[in-house]
Amino acid sequence: MLRAISRVAKAQPVGESEFVRRAVQKQLWADAFEETRRRLAPMIRAKRIYTDEDVFTMVS
């Protein structure tokens, strides 16, 4: 894994620690997003919102 991190970090203009920091930050954000989505899904379904088009119709 260290070799892969080193290789990818060299291909980008960042150091290894900055690459890892960004990767962890992205994963934490993704986890928080999925948790929020999981908690809100039942409320959204109760309002019969299933698609982007449903949202568009509501806000138009």
N, C-alpha and C. Protein backbone atom coordinates (compact mmCIF):
# COMPACT_ATOMS: atom_id res chain seq x y z
N MET A 1 0.82 -1.18 0.00
CA MET A 1 0.00 0.00 0.00
C MET A 1 0.88 1.26 0.00
N LEU A 2 1.98 1.20 0.74
CA LEU A 2 2.87 2.36 0.79
C LEU A 2 3.44 2.67 -0.60
N ARG A 3 3.77 1.63 -1.34
CA ARG A 3 4.29 1.84 -2.71
C ARG A 3 3.23 2.49 -3.59
N ALA A 4 2.00 2.02 -3.46
CA ALA A 4 0.91 2.58 -4.27
C ALA A 4 0.68 4.05 -3.91
N ILE A 5 0.69 4.36 -2.63
CA ILE A 5 0.52 5.74 -2.19
C ILE A 5 1.64 6.60 -2.75
N SER A 6 2.85 6.13 -2.64
CA SER A 6 4.00 6.87 -3.14
C SER A 6 3.89 7.12 -4.64
N ARG A 7 3.51 6.09 -5.38
CA ARG A 7 3.39 6.20 -6.83
C ARG A 7 2.32 7.21 -7.23
N VAL A 8 1.16 7.11 -6.60
CA VAL A 8 0.06 8.01 -6.95
C VAL A 8 0.36 9.44 -6.50
N ALA A 9 0.94 9.60 -5.33
CA ALA A 9 1.27 10.94 -4.84
C ALA A 9 2.29 11.62 -5.76
N LYS A 10 3.23 10.86 -6.29
CA LYS A 10 4.22 11.43 -7.21
C LYS A 10 3.56 11.89 -8.51
N ALA A 11 2.53 11.20 -8.93
CA ALA A 11 1.83 11.57 -10.16
C ALA A 11 1.01 12.84 -9.99
N GLN A 12 0.73 13.18 -8.75
CA GLN A 12 -0.01 14.40 -8.44
C GLN A 12 0.97 15.38 -7.80
N PRO A 13 0.67 16.64 -7.82
CA PRO A 13 1.61 17.60 -7.22
C PRO A 13 1.44 17.72 -5.69
N VAL A 14 1.41 16.59 -4.99
CA VAL A 14 1.28 16.61 -3.53
C VAL A 14 2.21 15.56 -2.93
N GLY A 15 2.53 15.75 -1.67
CA GLY A 15 3.33 14.76 -0.96
C GLY A 15 2.46 13.60 -0.52
N GLU A 16 3.12 12.57 -0.02
CA GLU A 16 2.39 11.37 0.42
C GLU A 16 1.42 11.67 1.56
N SER A 17 1.88 12.43 2.55
CA SER A 17 0.99 12.71 3.69
C SER A 17 -0.21 13.54 3.28
N GLU A 18 -0.01 14.49 2.36
CA GLU A 18 -1.14 15.29 1.87
C GLU A 18 -2.10 14.42 1.06
N PHE A 19 -1.57 13.50 0.28
CA PHE A 19 -2.41 12.57 -0.48
C PHE A 19 -3.27 11.74 0.47
N VAL A 20 -2.65 11.19 1.51
CA VAL A 20 -3.39 10.38 2.49
C VAL A 20 -4.41 11.24 3.22
N ARG A 21 -4.03 12.46 3.60
CA ARG A 21 -4.95 13.37 4.29
C ARG A 21 -6.18 13.62 3.44
N ARG A 22 -5.98 13.88 2.16
CA ARG A 22 -7.12 14.14 1.26
C ARG A 22 -7.99 12.89 1.09
N ALA A 23 -7.34 11.74 0.98
CA ALA A 23 -8.10 10.49 0.82
C ALA A 23 -8.97 10.22 2.05
N VAL A 24 -8.40 10.42 3.23
CA VAL A 24 -9.17 10.22 4.46
C VAL A 24 -10.30 11.23 4.54
N GLN A 25 -10.02 12.47 4.19
CA GLN A 25 -11.05 13.51 4.22
C GLN A 25 -12.20 13.17 3.27
N LYS A 26 -11.87 12.71 2.07
CA LYS A 26 -12.91 12.31 1.11
C LYS A 26 -13.75 11.16 1.66
N GLN A 27 -13.10 10.19 2.29
CA GLN A 27 -13.83 9.04 2.83
C GLN A 27 -14.73 9.46 3.98
N LEU A 28 -14.25 10.34 4.85
CA LEU A 28 -15.07 10.82 5.97
C LEU A 28 -16.29 11.57 5.45
N TRP A 29 -16.10 12.38 4.41
CA TRP A 29 -17.21 13.11 3.82
C TRP A 29 -18.22 12.14 3.21
N ALA A 30 -17.72 11.15 2.48
CA ALA A 30 -18.61 10.17 1.86
C ALA A 30 -19.39 9.39 2.90
N ASP A 31 -18.73 9.02 4.00
CA ASP A 31 -19.42 8.30 5.07
C ASP A 31 -20.51 9.16 5.70
N ALA A 32 -20.21 10.44 5.94
CA ALA A 32 -21.20 11.35 6.53
C ALA A 32 -22.38 11.54 5.57
N PHE A 33 -22.09 11.67 4.29
CA PHE A 33 -23.14 11.83 3.29
C PHE A 33 -24.06 10.61 3.28
N GLU A 34 -23.47 9.42 3.27
CA GLU A 34 -24.28 8.20 3.25
C GLU A 34 -25.10 8.04 4.52
N GLU A 35 -24.55 8.41 5.65
CA GLU A 35 -25.29 8.34 6.92
C GLU A 35 -26.49 9.30 6.88
N THR A 36 -26.26 10.50 6.39
CA THR A 36 -27.35 11.48 6.27
C THR A 36 -28.42 10.96 5.31
N ARG A 37 -27.98 10.43 4.20
CA ARG A 37 -28.92 9.88 3.22
C ARG A 37 -29.74 8.73 3.82
N ARG A 38 -29.07 7.85 4.57
CA ARG A 38 -29.75 6.73 5.19
C ARG A 38 -30.81 7.20 6.19
N ARG A 39 -30.46 8.23 6.98
CA ARG A 39 -31.41 8.72 7.98
C ARG A 39 -32.58 9.47 7.36
N LEU A 40 -32.34 10.17 6.25
CA LEU A 40 -33.40 10.96 5.64
C LEU A 40 -34.29 10.17 4.67
N ALA A 41 -33.81 9.05 4.19
CA ALA A 41 -34.55 8.27 3.19
C ALA A 41 -35.98 7.97 3.58
N PRO A 42 -36.25 7.50 4.81
CA PRO A 42 -37.65 7.21 5.16
C PRO A 42 -38.55 8.45 5.11
N MET A 43 -38.05 9.60 5.52
CA MET A 43 -38.86 10.83 5.48
C MET A 43 -39.12 11.25 4.04
N ILE A 44 -38.12 11.10 3.20
CA ILE A 44 -38.27 11.48 1.80
C ILE A 44 -39.27 10.57 1.10
N ARG A 45 -39.16 9.28 1.36
CA ARG A 45 -40.12 8.34 0.75
C ARG A 45 -41.54 8.60 1.23
N ALA A 46 -41.68 8.99 2.50
CA ALA A 46 -43.01 9.28 3.05
C ALA A 46 -43.66 10.45 2.32
N LYS A 47 -42.83 11.34 1.78
CA LYS A 47 -43.35 12.48 1.01
C LYS A 47 -43.46 12.14 -0.48
N ARG A 48 -43.27 10.86 -0.81
CA ARG A 48 -43.36 10.36 -2.18
C ARG A 48 -42.35 11.01 -3.12
N ILE A 49 -41.15 11.20 -2.61
CA ILE A 49 -40.06 11.72 -3.42
C ILE A 49 -39.14 10.54 -3.74
N TYR A 50 -39.05 10.21 -5.01
CA TYR A 50 -38.25 9.06 -5.42
C TYR A 50 -37.16 9.41 -6.44
N THR A 51 -37.37 10.46 -7.21
CA THR A 51 -36.42 10.79 -8.28
C THR A 51 -36.05 12.27 -8.23
N ASP A 52 -35.04 12.64 -9.01
CA ASP A 52 -34.68 14.05 -9.15
C ASP A 52 -35.84 14.83 -9.74
N GLU A 53 -36.56 14.21 -10.62
CA GLU A 53 -37.72 14.87 -11.23
C GLU A 53 -38.78 15.20 -10.17
N ASP A 54 -38.98 14.35 -9.19
CA ASP A 54 -39.90 14.62 -8.09
C ASP A 54 -39.46 15.87 -7.33
N VAL A 55 -38.18 15.99 -7.08
CA VAL A 55 -37.64 17.16 -6.38
C VAL A 55 -37.85 18.40 -7.22
N PHE A 56 -37.53 18.31 -8.51
CA PHE A 56 -37.70 19.44 -9.42
C PHE A 56 -39.15 19.93 -9.43
N THR A 57 -40.07 18.98 -9.47
CA THR A 57 -41.50 19.33 -9.48
C THR A 57 -41.89 20.06 -8.19
N MET A 58 -41.33 19.63 -7.09
CA MET A 58 -41.67 20.26 -5.81
C MET A 58 -41.14 21.69 -5.70
N VAL A 59 -39.98 21.94 -6.24
CA VAL A 59 -39.37 23.27 -6.08
C VAL A 59 -39.71 24.21 -7.22
N SER A 60 -40.37 23.71 -8.24
CA SER A 60 -40.73 24.57 -9.39
C SER A 60 -42.02 25.29 -9.12
